[in-house]
Amino acid sequence: MSIDIDTARRVAKLARIRVEEDALPALAQEFNAVLGFIEQLQEVDVEGVEPMTSATPQRLKRRGDDVTDGNQQEKILANAPDAREGFFAVPKVVE
C-alpha cells in the first residue's frame, strides 16, 4: 500500500493536525515508511509464540487476600467536615 499526498492531507485533517502544503510530501514518505515496517512485521512467523508483557520475565508480588474492616473509623471521620454518631453527615438533597 502506498500513501500519496492527498491521502496524507486527509489523514492530517482527520487527526486535526495542521500540515503545510510543502510538508505533505515528507509526511507521505513517513507514512509509507511506517507501512513498510508493518509489512515487514507481518512476514514474521509467530505461530506457537506465547504473547509477552515484558522483555524480562517477572512475577508480580502478591499479598494475602484478607478481608478486614480497616479499623480506621476515627481517622477517616476526622477528615469529614461533619460527622455524627460514627457516620458522615451530609445535607438533605431531596425535599
N, C-alpha and C. Protein backbone atom coordinates (compact mmCIF):
# COMPACT_ATOMS: atom_id res chain seq x y z
N MET A 1 0.85 -1.18 0.00
CA MET A 1 0.00 0.00 0.00
C MET A 1 0.89 1.24 0.00
N SER A 2 0.50 2.22 -0.75
CA SER A 2 1.28 3.44 -0.85
C SER A 2 0.39 4.63 -0.51
N ILE A 3 0.94 5.53 0.26
CA ILE A 3 0.22 6.74 0.66
C ILE A 3 0.66 7.88 -0.25
N ASP A 4 -0.31 8.53 -0.89
CA ASP A 4 0.01 9.67 -1.73
C ASP A 4 -0.23 10.96 -0.94
N ILE A 5 0.02 12.07 -1.56
CA ILE A 5 -0.09 13.37 -0.89
C ILE A 5 -1.53 13.65 -0.48
N ASP A 6 -2.50 13.29 -1.33
CA ASP A 6 -3.90 13.53 -0.98
C ASP A 6 -4.32 12.73 0.25
N THR A 7 -3.86 11.48 0.33
CA THR A 7 -4.18 10.66 1.49
C THR A 7 -3.52 11.22 2.74
N ALA A 8 -2.28 11.68 2.63
CA ALA A 8 -1.58 12.28 3.77
C ALA A 8 -2.32 13.53 4.24
N ARG A 9 -2.82 14.32 3.29
CA ARG A 9 -3.59 15.53 3.63
C ARG A 9 -4.86 15.14 4.38
N ARG A 10 -5.53 14.08 3.91
CA ARG A 10 -6.78 13.63 4.54
C ARG A 10 -6.52 13.09 5.94
N VAL A 11 -5.44 12.32 6.11
CA VAL A 11 -5.11 11.79 7.44
C VAL A 11 -4.80 12.93 8.40
N ALA A 12 -4.06 13.91 7.94
CA ALA A 12 -3.74 15.07 8.79
C ALA A 12 -5.01 15.81 9.18
N LYS A 13 -5.95 15.94 8.25
CA LYS A 13 -7.20 16.62 8.57
C LYS A 13 -8.00 15.82 9.58
N LEU A 14 -8.07 14.48 9.41
CA LEU A 14 -8.81 13.64 10.34
C LEU A 14 -8.18 13.66 11.73
N ALA A 15 -6.85 13.77 11.78
CA ALA A 15 -6.15 13.83 13.06
C ALA A 15 -6.12 15.25 13.63
N ARG A 16 -6.70 16.18 12.90
CA ARG A 16 -6.74 17.59 13.28
C ARG A 16 -5.32 18.13 13.53
N ILE A 17 -4.44 17.81 12.58
CA ILE A 17 -3.07 18.28 12.62
C ILE A 17 -2.87 19.22 11.43
N ARG A 18 -2.41 20.43 11.70
CA ARG A 18 -2.17 21.37 10.62
C ARG A 18 -0.83 21.05 9.97
N VAL A 19 -0.86 20.74 8.69
CA VAL A 19 0.36 20.44 7.94
C VAL A 19 0.39 21.37 6.74
N GLU A 20 1.50 22.08 6.61
CA GLU A 20 1.65 22.98 5.47
C GLU A 20 1.75 22.17 4.18
N GLU A 21 1.37 22.77 3.07
CA GLU A 21 1.36 22.08 1.77
C GLU A 21 2.76 21.57 1.39
N ASP A 22 3.79 22.33 1.70
CA ASP A 22 5.14 21.90 1.32
C ASP A 22 5.66 20.77 2.19
N ALA A 23 5.01 20.49 3.34
CA ALA A 23 5.42 19.40 4.22
C ALA A 23 4.68 18.10 3.91
N LEU A 24 3.67 18.15 3.06
CA LEU A 24 2.88 16.95 2.77
C LEU A 24 3.68 15.84 2.10
N PRO A 25 4.58 16.13 1.15
CA PRO A 25 5.36 15.02 0.57
C PRO A 25 6.21 14.28 1.61
N ALA A 26 6.81 15.01 2.53
CA ALA A 26 7.61 14.36 3.58
C ALA A 26 6.72 13.53 4.50
N LEU A 27 5.52 14.03 4.81
CA LEU A 27 4.59 13.28 5.65
C LEU A 27 4.16 12.00 4.94
N ALA A 28 3.89 12.09 3.66
CA ALA A 28 3.51 10.89 2.90
C ALA A 28 4.65 9.87 2.90
N GLN A 29 5.89 10.33 2.80
CA GLN A 29 7.04 9.42 2.86
C GLN A 29 7.14 8.75 4.22
N GLU A 30 6.90 9.51 5.29
CA GLU A 30 6.94 8.92 6.63
C GLU A 30 5.85 7.87 6.79
N PHE A 31 4.66 8.16 6.29
CA PHE A 31 3.58 7.17 6.35
C PHE A 31 3.97 5.90 5.60
N ASN A 32 4.56 6.06 4.43
CA ASN A 32 4.98 4.91 3.64
C ASN A 32 6.06 4.10 4.36
N ALA A 33 6.96 4.78 5.08
CA ALA A 33 7.99 4.08 5.84
C ALA A 33 7.37 3.26 6.97
N VAL A 34 6.39 3.84 7.64
CA VAL A 34 5.70 3.12 8.73
C VAL A 34 4.97 1.91 8.16
N LEU A 35 4.26 2.10 7.07
CA LEU A 35 3.54 0.98 6.47
C LEU A 35 4.49 -0.10 5.98
N GLY A 36 5.65 0.29 5.47
CA GLY A 36 6.65 -0.69 5.05
C GLY A 36 7.15 -1.52 6.22
N PHE A 37 7.35 -0.86 7.36
CA PHE A 37 7.78 -1.58 8.55
C PHE A 37 6.71 -2.54 9.03
N ILE A 38 5.45 -2.13 8.97
CA ILE A 38 4.34 -3.01 9.37
C ILE A 38 4.28 -4.22 8.44
N GLU A 39 4.49 -4.00 7.15
CA GLU A 39 4.51 -5.13 6.22
C GLU A 39 5.63 -6.10 6.54
N GLN A 40 6.79 -5.59 6.95
CA GLN A 40 7.89 -6.47 7.37
C GLN A 40 7.49 -7.28 8.59
N LEU A 41 6.82 -6.65 9.54
CA LEU A 41 6.40 -7.36 10.75
C LEU A 41 5.39 -8.46 10.43
N GLN A 42 4.54 -8.23 9.44
CA GLN A 42 3.54 -9.23 9.09
C GLN A 42 4.15 -10.46 8.45
N GLU A 43 5.37 -10.36 7.94
CA GLU A 43 6.04 -11.51 7.32
C GLU A 43 6.65 -12.46 8.36
N VAL A 44 6.78 -12.02 9.60
CA VAL A 44 7.40 -12.83 10.64
C VAL A 44 6.43 -13.94 11.06
N ASP A 45 6.94 -15.18 11.15
CA ASP A 45 6.13 -16.31 11.57
C ASP A 45 6.10 -16.34 13.11
N VAL A 46 4.93 -16.13 13.69
CA VAL A 46 4.79 -16.12 15.14
C VAL A 46 3.94 -17.29 15.62
N GLU A 47 3.77 -18.28 14.80
CA GLU A 47 2.98 -19.46 15.17
C GLU A 47 3.63 -20.15 16.37
N GLY A 48 2.87 -20.34 17.42
CA GLY A 48 3.35 -21.03 18.61
C GLY A 48 4.14 -20.16 19.57
N VAL A 49 4.26 -18.88 19.31
CA VAL A 49 4.98 -17.98 20.20
C VAL A 49 3.99 -17.40 21.21
N GLU A 50 4.31 -17.56 22.49
CA GLU A 50 3.43 -17.04 23.54
C GLU A 50 3.51 -15.52 23.60
N PRO A 51 2.39 -14.84 23.79
CA PRO A 51 2.44 -13.38 23.97
C PRO A 51 3.17 -13.05 25.26
N MET A 52 3.85 -11.90 25.27
CA MET A 52 4.57 -11.50 26.47
C MET A 52 4.24 -10.06 26.81
N THR A 53 4.33 -9.75 28.08
CA THR A 53 4.04 -8.40 28.54
C THR A 53 5.30 -7.61 28.83
N SER A 54 6.45 -8.29 28.88
CA SER A 54 7.70 -7.63 29.18
C SER A 54 8.84 -8.41 28.55
N ALA A 55 9.96 -7.74 28.34
CA ALA A 55 11.12 -8.41 27.77
C ALA A 55 11.81 -9.29 28.80
N THR A 56 11.58 -9.02 30.07
CA THR A 56 12.18 -9.83 31.13
C THR A 56 11.06 -10.53 31.89
N PRO A 57 11.22 -11.80 32.20
CA PRO A 57 10.16 -12.49 32.94
C PRO A 57 10.03 -11.94 34.36
N GLN A 58 8.81 -11.65 34.75
CA GLN A 58 8.56 -11.07 36.06
C GLN A 58 7.32 -11.69 36.67
N ARG A 59 7.32 -11.82 37.95
CA ARG A 59 6.12 -12.22 38.68
C ARG A 59 5.74 -11.07 39.59
N LEU A 60 4.49 -10.74 39.61
CA LEU A 60 4.03 -9.68 40.48
C LEU A 60 4.02 -10.15 41.92
N LYS A 61 4.40 -9.25 42.80
CA LYS A 61 4.35 -9.58 44.22
C LYS A 61 2.88 -9.67 44.62
N ARG A 62 2.57 -10.72 45.30
CA ARG A 62 1.18 -10.92 45.70
C ARG A 62 1.03 -10.73 47.20
N ARG A 63 -0.10 -10.24 47.59
CA ARG A 63 -0.38 -10.09 49.01
C ARG A 63 -1.57 -10.97 49.35
N GLY A 64 -1.71 -11.24 50.60
CA GLY A 64 -2.83 -12.06 51.04
C GLY A 64 -4.14 -11.35 50.82
N ASP A 65 -5.14 -12.10 50.46
CA ASP A 65 -6.46 -11.53 50.22
C ASP A 65 -7.27 -11.62 51.51
N ASP A 66 -6.89 -10.79 52.48
CA ASP A 66 -7.53 -10.81 53.80
C ASP A 66 -8.57 -9.71 53.87
N VAL A 67 -9.77 -10.08 54.23
CA VAL A 67 -10.86 -9.11 54.35
C VAL A 67 -10.83 -8.53 55.76
N THR A 68 -10.72 -7.20 55.83
CA THR A 68 -10.75 -6.52 57.13
C THR A 68 -11.65 -5.31 57.00
N ASP A 69 -12.05 -4.77 58.12
CA ASP A 69 -12.86 -3.56 58.08
C ASP A 69 -11.99 -2.31 58.13
N GLY A 70 -10.69 -2.48 58.22
CA GLY A 70 -9.78 -1.36 58.21
C GLY A 70 -9.46 -0.83 59.59
N ASN A 71 -10.40 -0.91 60.51
CA ASN A 71 -10.21 -0.43 61.88
C ASN A 71 -9.69 1.00 61.93
N GLN A 72 -10.18 1.86 61.04
CA GLN A 72 -9.71 3.24 61.00
C GLN A 72 -10.87 4.22 60.95
N GLN A 73 -11.97 3.88 61.58
CA GLN A 73 -13.16 4.73 61.50
C GLN A 73 -12.87 6.14 62.02
N GLU A 74 -12.16 6.25 63.14
CA GLU A 74 -11.91 7.58 63.70
C GLU A 74 -11.02 8.41 62.78
N LYS A 75 -10.00 7.79 62.19
CA LYS A 75 -9.11 8.52 61.28
C LYS A 75 -9.86 9.00 60.04
N ILE A 76 -10.74 8.16 59.52
CA ILE A 76 -11.49 8.52 58.31
C ILE A 76 -12.48 9.63 58.62
N LEU A 77 -13.19 9.51 59.73
CA LEU A 77 -14.18 10.52 60.08
C LEU A 77 -13.53 11.84 60.50
N ALA A 78 -12.26 11.82 60.86
CA ALA A 78 -11.56 13.06 61.21
C ALA A 78 -11.43 13.96 59.99
N ASN A 79 -11.48 13.40 58.79
CA ASN A 79 -11.39 14.20 57.56
C ASN A 79 -12.73 14.78 57.13
N ALA A 80 -13.80 14.31 57.71
CA ALA A 80 -15.15 14.75 57.29
C ALA A 80 -15.44 16.14 57.84
N PRO A 81 -16.09 16.98 57.03
CA PRO A 81 -16.47 18.29 57.54
C PRO A 81 -17.56 18.20 58.61
N ASP A 82 -18.38 17.14 58.54
CA ASP A 82 -19.44 16.96 59.54
C ASP A 82 -19.67 15.45 59.72
N ALA A 83 -19.38 14.97 60.93
CA ALA A 83 -19.58 13.56 61.23
C ALA A 83 -20.39 13.46 62.52
N ARG A 84 -21.39 12.57 62.49
CA ARG A 84 -22.24 12.38 63.68
C ARG A 84 -22.48 10.90 63.91
N GLU A 85 -22.34 10.49 65.15
CA GLU A 85 -22.65 9.13 65.58
C GLU A 85 -21.90 8.07 64.75
N GLY A 86 -20.66 8.39 64.35
CA GLY A 86 -19.86 7.42 63.62
C GLY A 86 -20.12 7.37 62.13
N PHE A 87 -20.85 8.36 61.57
CA PHE A 87 -21.16 8.37 60.14
C PHE A 87 -20.87 9.76 59.57
N PHE A 88 -20.75 9.84 58.23
CA PHE A 88 -20.66 11.11 57.55
C PHE A 88 -22.02 11.76 57.58
N ALA A 89 -22.08 13.03 57.90
CA ALA A 89 -23.34 13.76 57.86
C ALA A 89 -23.32 14.61 56.59
N VAL A 90 -24.38 14.47 55.80
CA VAL A 90 -24.47 15.19 54.53
C VAL A 90 -25.76 15.98 54.51
N PRO A 91 -25.81 17.08 53.76
CA PRO A 91 -27.04 17.85 53.70
C PRO A 91 -28.13 17.09 52.96
N LYS A 92 -29.35 17.37 53.31
CA LYS A 92 -30.51 16.75 52.67
C LYS A 92 -30.60 17.27 51.24
N VAL A 93 -30.79 16.36 50.26
CA VAL A 93 -30.86 16.79 48.88
C VAL A 93 -32.26 16.62 48.28
N VAL A 94 -33.13 15.90 48.95
CA VAL A 94 -34.50 15.70 48.46
C VAL A 94 -35.45 16.31 49.48
N GLU A 95 -36.32 17.13 49.00
CA GLU A 95 -37.32 17.77 49.90
C GLU A 95 -38.49 16.86 50.12
